[in-house]
Amino acid sequence: MTDTSSISDLTNEWINLLKTAKEPDAPLDFYCRKIMPELLPLIREKFKADYDQEPQYDGLISLLGFTPETVILSHQFIQPEKIVVIHTEETKDLLDTVKTYANIPSYSYFYESFIL
């Protein structure tokens, strides 16, 4: 079973990587491959304890900010049939990153630009 000290250690490593990484995608890759697998079971356990059921949703609408981690984590937690990502011109380059790291099939992935 995952414990919070393990996640805390991984988070500290990730924060350090955010400051020192030579490759720009290294922190995101670390987050998705190391932290998320540890974090998701805890989030699911908490959800089940609070709501006495597993998360089951047909769709997810998510806002893409300047980092894709929250969209990826939300998708991996909920595992919806379809996802719509709302983004700005500045964040559209992250759409493929979300799709790749969340392992979203093309037929389930939709996105819409939001203009301020």
Protein backbone atom coordinates (compact mmCIF):
# COMPACT_ATOMS: atom_id res chain seq x y z
CA MET A 1 0.00 0.00 0.00
CA THR A 2 1.18 3.49 -0.81
CA ASP A 3 1.87 5.80 2.06
CA THR A 4 1.99 9.56 2.26
CA SER A 5 5.69 9.61 3.20
CA SER A 6 6.50 7.94 -0.12
CA ILE A 7 4.46 10.56 -1.97
CA SER A 8 6.08 13.31 0.07
CA ASP A 9 9.56 12.05 -0.89
CA LEU A 10 8.55 11.81 -4.55
CA THR A 11 7.04 15.29 -4.42
CA ASN A 12 10.26 16.73 -3.02
CA GLU A 13 12.20 15.02 -5.78
CA TRP A 14 9.76 16.41 -8.37
CA ILE A 15 10.06 19.96 -6.98
CA ASN A 16 13.82 19.69 -7.16
CA LEU A 17 13.54 18.44 -10.71
CA LEU A 18 11.33 21.43 -11.60
CA LYS A 19 14.21 23.67 -10.51
CA THR A 20 17.12 21.75 -12.01
CA ALA A 21 15.96 19.70 -15.01
CA LYS A 22 17.94 20.18 -18.18
CA GLU A 23 15.17 18.60 -20.25
CA PRO A 24 11.92 20.61 -20.13
CA ASP A 25 9.67 17.51 -20.14
CA ALA A 26 11.55 15.69 -17.37
CA PRO A 27 9.43 17.04 -14.46
CA LEU A 28 6.16 16.17 -16.21
CA ASP A 29 7.43 12.73 -17.10
CA PHE A 30 8.50 12.15 -13.49
CA TYR A 31 5.12 13.32 -12.18
CA CYS A 32 3.14 11.08 -14.54
CA ARG A 33 5.32 7.98 -14.21
CA LYS A 34 6.31 8.15 -10.54
CA ILE A 35 3.91 10.31 -8.53
CA MET A 36 0.58 9.54 -10.21
CA PRO A 37 0.80 5.76 -9.75
CA GLU A 38 1.39 6.34 -6.02
CA LEU A 39 -1.24 9.06 -5.68
CA LEU A 40 -4.16 7.55 -7.62
CA PRO A 41 -4.83 4.62 -5.24
CA LEU A 42 -4.96 7.02 -2.29
CA ILE A 43 -7.37 9.35 -4.07
CA ARG A 44 -9.58 6.42 -5.08
CA GLU A 45 -9.53 5.05 -1.54
CA LYS A 46 -10.53 8.45 -0.12
CA PHE A 47 -13.30 8.84 -2.72
CA LYS A 48 -14.67 5.39 -1.93
CA ALA A 49 -14.58 6.08 1.81
CA ASP A 50 -16.35 9.42 1.38
CA TYR A 51 -18.96 8.38 -1.19
CA ASP A 52 -19.20 4.60 -0.75
CA GLN A 53 -18.67 4.01 -4.47
CA GLU A 54 -16.03 4.02 -7.16
CA PRO A 55 -15.75 7.11 -9.37
CA GLN A 56 -17.88 6.50 -12.46
CA TYR A 57 -18.45 9.31 -14.91
CA ASP A 58 -19.34 9.32 -18.59
CA GLY A 59 -17.57 12.59 -19.28
CA LEU A 60 -15.13 15.12 -17.96
CA ILE A 61 -14.77 18.79 -18.85
CA SER A 62 -11.43 20.17 -17.75
CA LEU A 63 -9.59 23.46 -18.04
CA LEU A 64 -6.01 23.29 -19.29
CA GLY A 65 -3.73 25.74 -17.56
CA PHE A 66 -0.04 26.25 -18.08
CA THR A 67 0.77 22.76 -16.80
CA PRO A 68 -1.10 19.64 -17.87
CA GLU A 69 -0.75 17.64 -14.63
CA THR A 70 -4.21 18.39 -13.22
CA VAL A 71 -5.98 17.43 -16.45
CA ILE A 72 -3.96 14.22 -16.68
CA LEU A 73 -4.55 13.33 -13.03
CA SER A 74 -8.28 14.06 -13.30
CA HIS A 75 -8.62 11.88 -16.37
CA GLN A 76 -6.65 9.03 -14.82
CA PHE A 77 -8.72 9.21 -11.63
CA ILE A 78 -12.16 9.42 -13.25
CA GLN A 79 -11.41 7.42 -16.42
CA PRO A 80 -14.37 8.91 -18.29
CA GLU A 81 -15.69 7.72 -21.63
CA LYS A 82 -15.08 11.19 -23.10
CA ILE A 83 -13.10 14.26 -22.13
CA VAL A 84 -13.40 17.84 -23.31
CA VAL A 85 -10.42 20.08 -22.60
CA ILE A 86 -10.90 23.83 -22.73
CA HIS A 87 -7.68 25.66 -23.52
CA THR A 88 -6.34 29.04 -24.57
CA GLU A 89 -4.05 29.87 -27.47
CA GLU A 90 -1.14 29.87 -25.01
CA THR A 91 -1.87 26.33 -23.81
CA LYS A 92 -2.86 24.60 -27.04
CA ASP A 93 0.64 23.11 -27.40
CA LEU A 94 -0.06 21.02 -24.27
CA LEU A 95 -3.08 19.22 -25.81
CA ASP A 96 -0.99 16.40 -27.28
CA THR A 97 0.91 16.07 -24.01
CA VAL A 98 -2.37 15.56 -22.14
CA LYS A 99 -3.54 12.97 -24.66
CA THR A 100 -0.26 11.07 -24.53
CA TYR A 101 0.29 10.99 -20.75
CA ALA A 102 -3.37 10.33 -19.92
CA ASN A 103 -3.49 7.64 -22.60
CA ILE A 104 -6.71 9.04 -24.06
CA PRO A 105 -7.95 7.43 -27.27
CA SER A 106 -8.53 9.93 -30.09
CA TYR A 107 -12.23 9.06 -30.36
CA SER A 108 -12.75 10.13 -26.72
CA TYR A 109 -10.72 13.34 -26.78
CA PHE A 110 -12.21 16.70 -27.64
CA TYR A 111 -10.92 20.20 -27.08
CA GLU A 112 -12.18 23.70 -27.52
CA SER A 113 -10.32 26.98 -27.56
CA PHE A 114 -11.40 29.65 -25.13
CA ILE A 115 -10.65 33.21 -26.19
CA LEU A 116 -10.46 35.89 -23.54
